[in-house]
N, C-alpha and C. Protein backbone atom coordinates (compact mmCIF):
# COMPACT_ATOMS: atom_id res chain seq x y z
N UNK A 1 -128.95 -78.87 -88.96
CA UNK A 1 -130.12 -78.80 -89.83
C UNK A 1 -131.13 -77.78 -89.30
N UNK A 2 -131.90 -77.25 -90.19
CA UNK A 2 -132.91 -76.27 -89.78
C UNK A 2 -133.98 -77.00 -88.95
N UNK A 3 -134.40 -76.36 -87.89
CA UNK A 3 -135.42 -77.00 -87.07
C UNK A 3 -136.79 -76.73 -87.67
N UNK A 4 -137.77 -77.50 -87.25
CA UNK A 4 -139.13 -77.32 -87.76
C UNK A 4 -139.86 -76.22 -87.00
N UNK A 5 -139.17 -75.58 -86.07
CA UNK A 5 -139.81 -74.54 -85.28
C UNK A 5 -140.26 -73.39 -86.17
N UNK A 6 -141.36 -72.77 -85.78
CA UNK A 6 -141.87 -71.66 -86.59
C UNK A 6 -141.25 -70.34 -86.12
N UNK A 7 -140.55 -70.37 -85.01
CA UNK A 7 -140.04 -69.12 -84.45
C UNK A 7 -139.07 -68.43 -85.40
N UNK A 8 -138.35 -69.20 -86.21
CA UNK A 8 -137.34 -68.60 -87.07
C UNK A 8 -137.91 -68.06 -88.36
N UNK A 9 -139.14 -68.37 -88.63
CA UNK A 9 -139.71 -67.96 -89.90
C UNK A 9 -140.29 -66.56 -89.79
N UNK A 10 -139.87 -65.69 -90.70
CA UNK A 10 -140.40 -64.35 -90.70
C UNK A 10 -141.45 -64.17 -91.77
N UNK A 11 -141.51 -65.11 -92.68
CA UNK A 11 -142.38 -64.94 -93.83
C UNK A 11 -142.94 -66.28 -94.28
N UNK A 12 -144.13 -66.24 -94.81
CA UNK A 12 -144.74 -67.46 -95.33
C UNK A 12 -143.97 -67.98 -96.53
N UNK A 13 -143.21 -67.09 -97.16
CA UNK A 13 -142.47 -67.47 -98.36
C UNK A 13 -141.34 -68.46 -98.07
N UNK A 14 -141.07 -68.70 -96.79
CA UNK A 14 -140.00 -69.64 -96.43
C UNK A 14 -140.49 -71.09 -96.35
N UNK A 15 -141.77 -71.30 -96.60
CA UNK A 15 -142.33 -72.64 -96.47
C UNK A 15 -142.51 -73.33 -97.82
N UNK A 16 -142.45 -74.65 -97.76
CA UNK A 16 -142.80 -75.47 -98.91
C UNK A 16 -143.96 -76.35 -98.48
N UNK A 17 -144.98 -76.43 -99.31
CA UNK A 17 -146.15 -77.25 -99.00
C UNK A 17 -146.36 -78.22 -100.17
N UNK A 18 -147.27 -79.15 -99.99
CA UNK A 18 -147.57 -80.09 -101.07
C UNK A 18 -148.90 -79.70 -101.73
N UNK A 19 -148.92 -79.81 -103.04
CA UNK A 19 -150.20 -79.57 -103.71
C UNK A 19 -151.05 -80.83 -103.65
N UNK A 20 -152.23 -80.77 -104.23
CA UNK A 20 -153.17 -81.90 -104.13
C UNK A 20 -152.65 -83.15 -104.82
N UNK A 21 -151.67 -82.99 -105.69
CA UNK A 21 -151.09 -84.17 -106.36
C UNK A 21 -149.83 -84.67 -105.66
N UNK A 22 -149.48 -84.02 -104.56
CA UNK A 22 -148.31 -84.47 -103.80
C UNK A 22 -147.00 -83.84 -104.23
N UNK A 23 -147.06 -82.84 -105.11
CA UNK A 23 -145.84 -82.15 -105.54
C UNK A 23 -145.51 -81.02 -104.58
N UNK A 24 -144.21 -80.79 -104.38
CA UNK A 24 -143.79 -79.68 -103.53
C UNK A 24 -144.07 -78.34 -104.21
N UNK A 25 -144.58 -77.40 -103.43
CA UNK A 25 -144.80 -76.04 -103.92
C UNK A 25 -144.07 -75.10 -102.97
N UNK A 26 -143.12 -74.38 -103.51
CA UNK A 26 -142.37 -73.41 -102.72
C UNK A 26 -143.19 -72.13 -102.66
N UNK A 27 -143.59 -71.73 -101.45
CA UNK A 27 -144.48 -70.57 -101.33
C UNK A 27 -143.79 -69.25 -101.71
N UNK A 28 -142.48 -69.30 -101.91
CA UNK A 28 -141.80 -68.08 -102.36
C UNK A 28 -142.23 -67.71 -103.78
N UNK A 29 -142.87 -68.67 -104.48
CA UNK A 29 -143.38 -68.34 -105.82
C UNK A 29 -144.50 -67.31 -105.74
N UNK A 30 -145.04 -67.10 -104.53
CA UNK A 30 -146.12 -66.13 -104.35
C UNK A 30 -145.62 -64.78 -103.84
N UNK A 31 -144.31 -64.58 -103.84
CA UNK A 31 -143.78 -63.27 -103.42
C UNK A 31 -144.40 -62.20 -104.30
N UNK A 32 -144.78 -61.09 -103.66
CA UNK A 32 -145.36 -60.00 -104.42
C UNK A 32 -146.86 -60.13 -104.62
N UNK A 33 -147.44 -61.23 -104.12
CA UNK A 33 -148.89 -61.39 -104.20
C UNK A 33 -149.49 -61.29 -102.81
N UNK A 34 -150.72 -60.81 -102.76
CA UNK A 34 -151.49 -60.84 -101.52
C UNK A 34 -152.15 -62.22 -101.46
N UNK A 35 -152.05 -62.88 -100.31
CA UNK A 35 -152.58 -64.23 -100.17
C UNK A 35 -153.73 -64.27 -99.18
N UNK A 36 -154.75 -65.01 -99.53
CA UNK A 36 -155.81 -65.35 -98.60
C UNK A 36 -155.73 -66.85 -98.42
N UNK A 37 -155.38 -67.28 -97.21
CA UNK A 37 -155.16 -68.70 -96.93
C UNK A 37 -156.33 -69.22 -96.10
N UNK A 38 -156.94 -70.29 -96.59
CA UNK A 38 -158.19 -70.77 -96.00
C UNK A 38 -158.12 -72.28 -95.81
N UNK A 39 -158.58 -72.76 -94.64
CA UNK A 39 -158.74 -74.21 -94.48
C UNK A 39 -160.16 -74.56 -94.88
N UNK A 40 -160.27 -75.41 -95.90
CA UNK A 40 -161.57 -75.67 -96.53
C UNK A 40 -162.10 -77.06 -96.19
N UNK A 41 -163.41 -77.23 -96.37
CA UNK A 41 -164.05 -78.52 -96.19
C UNK A 41 -165.23 -78.60 -97.14
N UNK A 42 -165.54 -79.80 -97.58
CA UNK A 42 -166.58 -79.99 -98.60
C UNK A 42 -167.98 -80.18 -98.02
N UNK A 43 -168.07 -80.55 -96.74
CA UNK A 43 -169.38 -80.92 -96.19
C UNK A 43 -169.78 -80.06 -94.99
N UNK A 44 -169.33 -78.85 -94.97
CA UNK A 44 -169.59 -77.95 -93.85
C UNK A 44 -170.78 -77.06 -94.18
N UNK A 45 -171.47 -76.61 -93.14
CA UNK A 45 -172.56 -75.67 -93.36
C UNK A 45 -172.09 -74.37 -93.99
N UNK A 46 -170.82 -74.07 -93.85
CA UNK A 46 -170.26 -72.83 -94.41
C UNK A 46 -169.70 -73.03 -95.82
N UNK A 47 -169.75 -74.26 -96.32
CA UNK A 47 -169.07 -74.58 -97.58
C UNK A 47 -169.61 -73.78 -98.76
N UNK A 48 -170.93 -73.81 -98.97
CA UNK A 48 -171.48 -73.16 -100.15
C UNK A 48 -171.15 -71.68 -100.21
N UNK A 49 -171.44 -70.97 -99.11
CA UNK A 49 -171.23 -69.53 -99.15
C UNK A 49 -169.74 -69.19 -99.29
N UNK A 50 -168.90 -69.92 -98.58
CA UNK A 50 -167.47 -69.61 -98.63
C UNK A 50 -166.87 -69.91 -100.00
N UNK A 51 -167.13 -71.08 -100.52
CA UNK A 51 -166.55 -71.42 -101.82
C UNK A 51 -167.08 -70.47 -102.90
N UNK A 52 -168.37 -70.14 -102.82
CA UNK A 52 -168.96 -69.24 -103.81
C UNK A 52 -168.28 -67.87 -103.75
N UNK A 53 -168.15 -67.33 -102.54
CA UNK A 53 -167.58 -66.00 -102.39
C UNK A 53 -166.08 -65.99 -102.65
N UNK A 54 -165.39 -67.07 -102.28
CA UNK A 54 -163.95 -67.13 -102.58
C UNK A 54 -163.74 -67.05 -104.09
N UNK A 55 -164.56 -67.74 -104.84
CA UNK A 55 -164.44 -67.69 -106.30
C UNK A 55 -164.75 -66.29 -106.83
N UNK A 56 -165.74 -65.62 -106.23
CA UNK A 56 -166.08 -64.27 -106.67
C UNK A 56 -164.92 -63.31 -106.40
N UNK A 57 -164.37 -63.39 -105.20
CA UNK A 57 -163.25 -62.51 -104.83
C UNK A 57 -162.05 -62.81 -105.73
N UNK A 58 -161.82 -64.10 -105.97
CA UNK A 58 -160.68 -64.48 -106.81
C UNK A 58 -160.83 -63.94 -108.23
N UNK A 59 -162.01 -64.11 -108.80
CA UNK A 59 -162.25 -63.61 -110.17
C UNK A 59 -161.99 -62.11 -110.25
N UNK A 60 -162.38 -61.41 -109.20
CA UNK A 60 -162.28 -59.96 -109.20
C UNK A 60 -160.84 -59.47 -109.07
N UNK A 61 -160.03 -60.18 -108.29
CA UNK A 61 -158.71 -59.64 -107.93
C UNK A 61 -157.51 -60.47 -108.37
N UNK A 62 -157.76 -61.62 -109.01
CA UNK A 62 -156.61 -62.46 -109.37
C UNK A 62 -155.66 -61.74 -110.32
N UNK A 63 -156.19 -60.90 -111.19
CA UNK A 63 -155.32 -60.19 -112.14
C UNK A 63 -154.64 -58.99 -111.50
N UNK A 64 -155.04 -58.68 -110.27
CA UNK A 64 -154.43 -57.54 -109.59
C UNK A 64 -153.47 -57.99 -108.49
N UNK A 65 -153.24 -59.30 -108.41
CA UNK A 65 -152.22 -59.76 -107.48
C UNK A 65 -152.72 -60.55 -106.29
N UNK A 66 -153.98 -60.98 -106.30
CA UNK A 66 -154.49 -61.81 -105.20
C UNK A 66 -154.34 -63.28 -105.56
N UNK A 67 -153.91 -64.07 -104.59
CA UNK A 67 -153.93 -65.53 -104.75
C UNK A 67 -154.62 -66.11 -103.52
N UNK A 68 -155.49 -67.08 -103.74
CA UNK A 68 -156.14 -67.78 -102.64
C UNK A 68 -155.50 -69.16 -102.55
N UNK A 69 -155.08 -69.53 -101.35
CA UNK A 69 -154.49 -70.85 -101.13
C UNK A 69 -155.44 -71.63 -100.23
N UNK A 70 -155.99 -72.71 -100.75
CA UNK A 70 -156.97 -73.51 -100.01
C UNK A 70 -156.32 -74.79 -99.51
N UNK A 71 -156.43 -75.01 -98.20
CA UNK A 71 -155.88 -76.21 -97.57
C UNK A 71 -157.02 -77.04 -96.99
N UNK A 72 -157.38 -78.14 -97.64
CA UNK A 72 -158.42 -79.00 -97.08
C UNK A 72 -158.00 -79.54 -95.71
N UNK A 73 -158.97 -79.67 -94.82
CA UNK A 73 -158.68 -80.18 -93.48
C UNK A 73 -159.89 -80.96 -92.99
N UNK A 74 -159.64 -82.11 -92.39
CA UNK A 74 -160.72 -82.98 -91.92
C UNK A 74 -160.83 -82.98 -90.39
N UNK A 75 -160.31 -81.94 -89.74
CA UNK A 75 -160.27 -81.95 -88.27
C UNK A 75 -161.54 -81.41 -87.61
N UNK A 76 -162.46 -80.89 -88.41
CA UNK A 76 -163.65 -80.27 -87.82
C UNK A 76 -164.89 -81.03 -88.25
N UNK A 77 -165.42 -81.86 -87.36
CA UNK A 77 -166.62 -82.60 -87.67
C UNK A 77 -166.44 -83.58 -88.82
N UNK A 78 -165.19 -83.96 -89.12
CA UNK A 78 -164.90 -84.89 -90.22
C UNK A 78 -165.63 -84.47 -91.50
N UNK A 79 -165.58 -83.18 -91.80
CA UNK A 79 -166.35 -82.66 -92.93
C UNK A 79 -165.53 -82.57 -94.22
N UNK A 80 -164.34 -83.14 -94.20
CA UNK A 80 -163.53 -83.24 -95.43
C UNK A 80 -162.98 -84.66 -95.52
N UNK A 81 -163.88 -85.65 -95.66
CA UNK A 81 -163.43 -87.05 -95.60
C UNK A 81 -162.77 -87.55 -96.88
N UNK A 82 -162.99 -86.85 -97.99
CA UNK A 82 -162.53 -87.36 -99.28
C UNK A 82 -161.03 -87.32 -99.44
N UNK A 83 -160.54 -87.95 -100.50
CA UNK A 83 -159.12 -87.85 -100.83
C UNK A 83 -158.91 -86.57 -101.65
N UNK A 84 -157.65 -86.26 -101.90
CA UNK A 84 -157.35 -85.00 -102.59
C UNK A 84 -158.07 -84.88 -103.93
N UNK A 85 -158.10 -86.00 -104.65
CA UNK A 85 -158.73 -85.97 -105.98
C UNK A 85 -160.21 -85.60 -105.88
N UNK A 86 -160.89 -86.20 -104.89
CA UNK A 86 -162.31 -85.91 -104.70
C UNK A 86 -162.53 -84.47 -104.28
N UNK A 87 -161.64 -83.97 -103.43
CA UNK A 87 -161.77 -82.60 -102.93
C UNK A 87 -161.61 -81.60 -104.07
N UNK A 88 -160.59 -81.81 -104.89
CA UNK A 88 -160.34 -80.90 -106.01
C UNK A 88 -161.50 -80.96 -107.00
N UNK A 89 -161.95 -82.16 -107.27
CA UNK A 89 -163.09 -82.35 -108.18
C UNK A 89 -164.31 -81.58 -107.68
N UNK A 90 -164.58 -81.70 -106.38
CA UNK A 90 -165.73 -81.02 -105.76
C UNK A 90 -165.59 -79.50 -105.90
N UNK A 91 -164.44 -78.97 -105.51
CA UNK A 91 -164.26 -77.52 -105.51
C UNK A 91 -164.26 -76.95 -106.93
N UNK A 92 -163.64 -77.67 -107.84
CA UNK A 92 -163.50 -77.14 -109.19
C UNK A 92 -164.76 -77.34 -110.02
N UNK A 93 -165.49 -78.42 -109.77
CA UNK A 93 -166.69 -78.68 -110.55
C UNK A 93 -167.87 -77.90 -109.99
N UNK A 94 -168.08 -78.04 -108.69
CA UNK A 94 -169.26 -77.39 -108.11
C UNK A 94 -169.10 -75.89 -107.97
N UNK A 95 -167.88 -75.47 -107.65
CA UNK A 95 -167.70 -74.05 -107.33
C UNK A 95 -166.73 -73.35 -108.28
N UNK A 96 -166.31 -74.05 -109.34
CA UNK A 96 -165.44 -73.43 -110.34
C UNK A 96 -164.20 -72.80 -109.71
N UNK A 97 -163.68 -73.43 -108.67
CA UNK A 97 -162.49 -72.88 -108.01
C UNK A 97 -161.32 -72.93 -108.99
N UNK A 98 -160.69 -71.79 -109.21
CA UNK A 98 -159.54 -71.74 -110.10
C UNK A 98 -158.25 -71.53 -109.33
N UNK A 99 -158.38 -71.27 -108.05
CA UNK A 99 -157.19 -71.06 -107.22
C UNK A 99 -156.66 -72.42 -106.76
N UNK A 100 -155.40 -72.44 -106.32
CA UNK A 100 -154.79 -73.73 -105.97
C UNK A 100 -155.39 -74.35 -104.70
N UNK A 101 -155.59 -75.65 -104.78
CA UNK A 101 -156.03 -76.43 -103.62
C UNK A 101 -154.89 -77.39 -103.30
N UNK A 102 -154.48 -77.37 -102.04
CA UNK A 102 -153.29 -78.10 -101.64
C UNK A 102 -153.64 -79.45 -101.02
N UNK A 103 -152.60 -80.14 -100.59
CA UNK A 103 -152.73 -81.42 -99.93
C UNK A 103 -153.51 -81.24 -98.62
N UNK A 104 -154.33 -82.22 -98.28
CA UNK A 104 -155.08 -82.16 -97.02
C UNK A 104 -154.10 -82.11 -95.86
N UNK A 105 -154.36 -81.22 -94.90
CA UNK A 105 -153.45 -81.04 -93.77
C UNK A 105 -154.21 -81.04 -92.45
N UNK A 106 -153.46 -81.19 -91.37
CA UNK A 106 -153.96 -80.86 -90.04
C UNK A 106 -153.58 -79.41 -89.77
N UNK A 107 -154.49 -78.66 -89.19
CA UNK A 107 -154.18 -77.26 -88.86
C UNK A 107 -153.98 -77.09 -87.36
N UNK A 108 -154.40 -78.07 -86.58
CA UNK A 108 -154.22 -78.04 -85.13
C UNK A 108 -153.49 -79.29 -84.67
N UNK A 109 -152.95 -79.23 -83.45
CA UNK A 109 -152.36 -80.42 -82.85
C UNK A 109 -150.90 -80.62 -83.24
N UNK A 110 -150.36 -81.73 -82.75
CA UNK A 110 -148.94 -82.02 -82.95
C UNK A 110 -148.58 -82.19 -84.42
N UNK A 111 -149.51 -82.67 -85.20
CA UNK A 111 -149.22 -82.93 -86.61
C UNK A 111 -149.64 -81.77 -87.52
N UNK A 112 -149.91 -80.62 -86.93
CA UNK A 112 -150.30 -79.47 -87.75
C UNK A 112 -149.19 -79.16 -88.75
N UNK A 113 -149.61 -78.80 -89.95
CA UNK A 113 -148.65 -78.43 -90.99
C UNK A 113 -147.82 -77.24 -90.52
N UNK A 114 -146.51 -77.25 -90.76
CA UNK A 114 -145.65 -76.13 -90.33
C UNK A 114 -146.17 -74.77 -90.78
N UNK A 115 -146.73 -74.70 -91.97
CA UNK A 115 -147.23 -73.41 -92.45
C UNK A 115 -148.38 -72.94 -91.57
N UNK A 116 -149.17 -73.88 -91.04
CA UNK A 116 -150.28 -73.48 -90.15
C UNK A 116 -149.77 -73.11 -88.76
N UNK A 117 -148.70 -73.76 -88.32
CA UNK A 117 -148.10 -73.35 -87.04
C UNK A 117 -147.61 -71.91 -87.15
N UNK A 118 -147.03 -71.59 -88.29
CA UNK A 118 -146.56 -70.22 -88.53
C UNK A 118 -147.73 -69.23 -88.55
N UNK A 119 -148.77 -69.55 -89.30
CA UNK A 119 -149.92 -68.65 -89.39
C UNK A 119 -150.51 -68.38 -88.00
N UNK A 120 -150.67 -69.46 -87.23
CA UNK A 120 -151.29 -69.31 -85.90
C UNK A 120 -150.39 -68.55 -84.95
N UNK A 121 -149.08 -68.77 -85.04
CA UNK A 121 -148.19 -68.05 -84.13
C UNK A 121 -148.12 -66.58 -84.51
N UNK A 122 -148.39 -66.26 -85.78
CA UNK A 122 -148.37 -64.86 -86.22
C UNK A 122 -149.62 -64.13 -85.77
N UNK A 123 -150.74 -64.83 -85.79
CA UNK A 123 -152.01 -64.20 -85.43
C UNK A 123 -152.81 -65.12 -84.52
N UNK A 124 -152.48 -65.09 -83.24
CA UNK A 124 -153.26 -65.86 -82.27
C UNK A 124 -154.30 -64.92 -81.72
N UNK A 125 -153.93 -64.24 -80.65
CA UNK A 125 -154.76 -63.17 -80.11
C UNK A 125 -156.12 -63.66 -79.65
N UNK A 126 -157.12 -62.90 -80.03
CA UNK A 126 -158.49 -63.15 -79.61
C UNK A 126 -158.94 -64.58 -79.82
N UNK A 127 -158.44 -65.17 -80.89
CA UNK A 127 -158.92 -66.49 -81.26
C UNK A 127 -158.21 -67.60 -80.49
N UNK A 128 -157.16 -67.25 -79.74
CA UNK A 128 -156.32 -68.29 -79.17
C UNK A 128 -155.53 -68.84 -80.34
N UNK A 129 -154.67 -69.80 -80.09
CA UNK A 129 -153.84 -70.26 -81.18
C UNK A 129 -154.56 -71.20 -82.12
N UNK A 130 -155.47 -72.01 -81.58
CA UNK A 130 -155.99 -73.06 -82.44
C UNK A 130 -157.03 -72.51 -83.41
N UNK A 131 -157.09 -73.17 -84.55
CA UNK A 131 -158.11 -72.88 -85.55
C UNK A 131 -159.41 -73.46 -85.00
N UNK A 132 -160.48 -72.68 -85.07
CA UNK A 132 -161.73 -73.12 -84.43
C UNK A 132 -162.60 -73.97 -85.34
N UNK A 133 -162.55 -73.76 -86.65
CA UNK A 133 -163.48 -74.47 -87.53
C UNK A 133 -163.01 -74.31 -88.97
N UNK A 134 -163.74 -74.96 -89.88
CA UNK A 134 -163.46 -74.83 -91.30
C UNK A 134 -163.59 -73.37 -91.74
N UNK A 135 -162.86 -73.00 -92.76
CA UNK A 135 -162.93 -71.68 -93.38
C UNK A 135 -162.43 -70.55 -92.48
N UNK A 136 -161.48 -70.84 -91.61
CA UNK A 136 -160.74 -69.76 -90.97
C UNK A 136 -159.86 -69.16 -92.06
N UNK A 137 -159.67 -67.84 -92.00
CA UNK A 137 -158.96 -67.17 -93.10
C UNK A 137 -157.81 -66.34 -92.56
N UNK A 138 -156.68 -66.41 -93.27
CA UNK A 138 -155.53 -65.57 -92.94
C UNK A 138 -155.21 -64.72 -94.16
N UNK A 139 -155.03 -63.42 -93.92
CA UNK A 139 -154.66 -62.52 -95.00
C UNK A 139 -153.17 -62.20 -94.86
N UNK A 140 -152.44 -62.40 -95.95
CA UNK A 140 -150.98 -62.28 -95.94
C UNK A 140 -150.57 -61.23 -96.97
N UNK A 141 -149.67 -60.32 -96.57
CA UNK A 141 -149.27 -59.26 -97.49
C UNK A 141 -148.24 -59.73 -98.51
N UNK A 142 -147.85 -58.82 -99.40
CA UNK A 142 -146.97 -59.18 -100.51
C UNK A 142 -145.59 -59.65 -100.05
N UNK A 143 -145.22 -59.26 -98.82
CA UNK A 143 -143.92 -59.70 -98.26
C UNK A 143 -144.03 -61.02 -97.51
N UNK A 144 -145.23 -61.55 -97.41
CA UNK A 144 -145.40 -62.84 -96.76
C UNK A 144 -145.69 -62.76 -95.27
N UNK A 145 -146.08 -61.57 -94.78
CA UNK A 145 -146.41 -61.41 -93.37
C UNK A 145 -147.91 -61.50 -93.17
N UNK A 146 -148.30 -62.19 -92.10
CA UNK A 146 -149.73 -62.31 -91.79
C UNK A 146 -150.21 -60.99 -91.22
N UNK A 147 -151.20 -60.39 -91.87
CA UNK A 147 -151.70 -59.11 -91.39
C UNK A 147 -153.05 -59.22 -90.71
N UNK A 148 -153.80 -60.27 -91.01
CA UNK A 148 -155.09 -60.38 -90.35
C UNK A 148 -155.58 -61.82 -90.36
N UNK A 149 -156.49 -62.07 -89.44
CA UNK A 149 -157.09 -63.40 -89.32
C UNK A 149 -158.58 -63.21 -89.13
N UNK A 150 -159.35 -64.04 -89.81
CA UNK A 150 -160.81 -63.89 -89.77
C UNK A 150 -161.46 -65.19 -89.32
N UNK A 151 -162.58 -65.04 -88.63
CA UNK A 151 -163.32 -66.20 -88.14
C UNK A 151 -163.95 -66.96 -89.30
N UNK A 152 -164.26 -68.24 -89.08
CA UNK A 152 -164.90 -69.05 -90.13
C UNK A 152 -166.18 -68.41 -90.68
N UNK A 153 -166.92 -67.71 -89.82
CA UNK A 153 -168.19 -67.13 -90.25
C UNK A 153 -168.02 -65.80 -90.98
N UNK A 154 -166.81 -65.26 -91.01
CA UNK A 154 -166.58 -64.02 -91.74
C UNK A 154 -166.60 -64.32 -93.23
N UNK A 155 -167.47 -63.64 -93.96
CA UNK A 155 -167.61 -63.97 -95.38
C UNK A 155 -166.45 -63.39 -96.17
N UNK A 156 -165.98 -64.11 -97.18
CA UNK A 156 -164.88 -63.60 -98.01
C UNK A 156 -165.18 -62.22 -98.59
N UNK A 157 -166.44 -61.98 -98.99
CA UNK A 157 -166.75 -60.67 -99.57
C UNK A 157 -166.60 -59.54 -98.56
N UNK A 158 -166.81 -59.86 -97.28
CA UNK A 158 -166.73 -58.80 -96.26
C UNK A 158 -165.29 -58.37 -95.99
N UNK A 159 -164.32 -59.15 -96.45
CA UNK A 159 -162.92 -58.74 -96.24
C UNK A 159 -162.30 -58.15 -97.51
N UNK A 160 -163.18 -57.89 -98.48
CA UNK A 160 -162.73 -57.33 -99.75
C UNK A 160 -161.96 -56.03 -99.55
N UNK A 161 -162.45 -55.17 -98.64
CA UNK A 161 -161.78 -53.88 -98.44
C UNK A 161 -160.35 -54.07 -97.93
N UNK A 162 -160.13 -55.07 -97.08
CA UNK A 162 -158.79 -55.34 -96.57
C UNK A 162 -157.88 -55.87 -97.69
N UNK A 163 -158.46 -56.70 -98.55
CA UNK A 163 -157.70 -57.23 -99.68
C UNK A 163 -157.30 -56.09 -100.60
N UNK A 164 -158.26 -55.20 -100.90
CA UNK A 164 -157.98 -54.08 -101.81
C UNK A 164 -156.88 -53.18 -101.24
N UNK A 165 -156.94 -52.98 -99.93
CA UNK A 165 -155.92 -52.12 -99.30
C UNK A 165 -154.53 -52.70 -99.52
N UNK A 166 -154.38 -54.01 -99.29
CA UNK A 166 -153.07 -54.65 -99.46
C UNK A 166 -152.64 -54.68 -100.93
N UNK A 167 -153.61 -54.80 -101.82
CA UNK A 167 -153.28 -54.82 -103.24
C UNK A 167 -152.96 -53.42 -103.76
N UNK A 168 -153.39 -52.40 -102.99
CA UNK A 168 -153.21 -51.03 -103.45
C UNK A 168 -154.20 -50.69 -104.54
N UNK A 169 -155.38 -51.30 -104.47
CA UNK A 169 -156.43 -51.07 -105.47
C UNK A 169 -157.43 -50.09 -104.90
N UNK A 170 -157.76 -49.08 -105.64
CA UNK A 170 -158.77 -48.14 -105.15
C UNK A 170 -160.15 -48.69 -105.49
N UNK A 171 -161.16 -48.11 -104.85
CA UNK A 171 -162.53 -48.56 -105.05
C UNK A 171 -162.82 -48.67 -106.53
């Protein structure tokens, strides 16, 4: 059987994750799209600015091949205590999030979601392997390779130029 190790994975498209309703989502459905993957929380000091800007970036580039994948996580200051239904309701009602919000996951530790183990092993570096806080961001190219990682405090709008480069969109 295939092991759960991330070492064999070359692309994010090899993973299956659960959506907020508990259905399997094969990430290969996002082949050919640029992905911004974010661990989100509803009660963080960074919540308003990040959710607002994520929606702005999504509106601007969704038709050009950008997809944002939001993974709720309650590992930082217990700032995502709600269930999936509450989380989706919050993001979609308050912030008009139209991008997919997935099942709540752990991003650090032994129970970290395999997709997060892959992301962290692809881009550790300066940040060390562990995710430091809510709204850490990973930028993934159309082939499913992690090309960059951004700190929680990096605003989604400030990485617009990197997104445009991967999308092949000129100013």
